């Protein structure tokens, strides 16, 4: 664990206060607080969203990954699940309790049943398989959809979200603490970590690896970008002493400036933290300098913020970047693609299947996640003369992820979606809508509903989800680790008027 002396901490606090009040970029995103009428609406969203999550667990060993709405109007449970979906149900249950939707005995009953089911799931090196039969918690080796053979994997990302749910159960309900910790203890994220060797940094890069093929004993590639959902596993592994703190400074803020295979050539500067030379790079988009995610989607960049107060703990890095990332998604949806709506993140494709959506200019992936089903990319000329991108797909969970950083814009976007499309139901928001054709997805997903509930619980119940996650080792270890960093994110300032001297503290 990193330790700082009291004088150093005091000095850092003073520096951070000065810089955060002078260097944080002004944006056109409204800081308006959530008003009484908004709270009533959010409570309605929470009630209906929880109804869907409760049905995902009914009669099953572990909750399934979603519900499909049939033409008859009935809802049908999906036939599989994974660790992320189960984690989402755990924190969704805590959110429902904190919002007053269920009482404590019901919350404990639901959580206990899920913990019992987790006891039965197959594990490899302490980690759960990715495709699980929710009826009996066995691991699928043939697809329940088409019968094709499956090689089960244990994903560091999926297991990171399950571990997050278990940590929250442990901290939120003392009577379940020992049971949750018993399930959590074998999940040593050091299993995925490869220590850094400067003489062989490609093969030993100080990074976390991707999925582990359980029957083959092999790993996928490394997670090389910081601004993705993978950092939840990193935070947990570091906080629990399984991964060295230095790992946080090894993933790229962008990929390196010499790497050609990324969506744009980054600019930035090198800085040093914990003895590690870090390229503080950024991409440019519509007058903003932004630290990108992998694909340009909302949940990659902002899902972690449901549980970790990164913008408060690291005001010169995440505190700048998160707001700009939200603003960039708004800019893309309303002004560049001209959809009239915004919020792009992996979701059910309204035309069928599942698809990764995002703003490709905000991702390092050279192939990018586009915001539409026609793969029209940022900077390209869309068909027709209007300049409007065709077949844009918007997902409501993206607006809920933005609720902290742009509350008025997020609530207004949700209100327009609800008014203009048949996307709202007695089970909350359906997963997505093609805003060009008006086609709405026929499903709700555990992960996306879980994000919605967590965002509402934070907004209405005094950051209840963050409190449940950071209590203990996360607060003690992660806060001092991330707070010294300064991204090169910001806004490109206009030239000062003649005779005016620019403030040297503004960036």
Foldseek 3Di string as FASTA:
>chain_A
DDDDDPVVVVVLVVVCVVLLVFAFFDDPFDPDAQDPVNLVVLLLQLLLQVVFLVVQQPQWQAGAFWWFQDPVRDIDHDFKFFLLLRLLSLLSLVLCCLSVVDDDVVSVVVVVSNLRSLVPADDDQLFGWGIAGRRRNYHDQADPVPRHGDQTKGWLLSRLSNLLSLLLCLQVPVVCNVSSCVSNVSPQQLVQFAAADVVCCLVRVRFGWTIARRVVRDTHGTQQALQFSSVSSVLVNCLVVRGPLCSNQRRALAPDQVDPQWQDRWDADWDDDPRDIYGQTFFDDPQWTASAFAFAAQCTRQVCCLAAVCCVLAVQHCVNHVLVSVVRQVCCPCPQQNLNAGHAAWWAQLVGDTAGAHQRSRHGRNQHHHQAPVSDHPPDQAPDDPSHHAQGKHFLLRLLSCCNNRVVNSSVRVVCCVVPAVQQDSNHGQGMARSRVRRTHRMDTSNSSSSSSSSSSVSPSVSSNNCSRCPPSSVVRVSVSNHVDHHPIYGDDDDDPPPDDDDVSYD
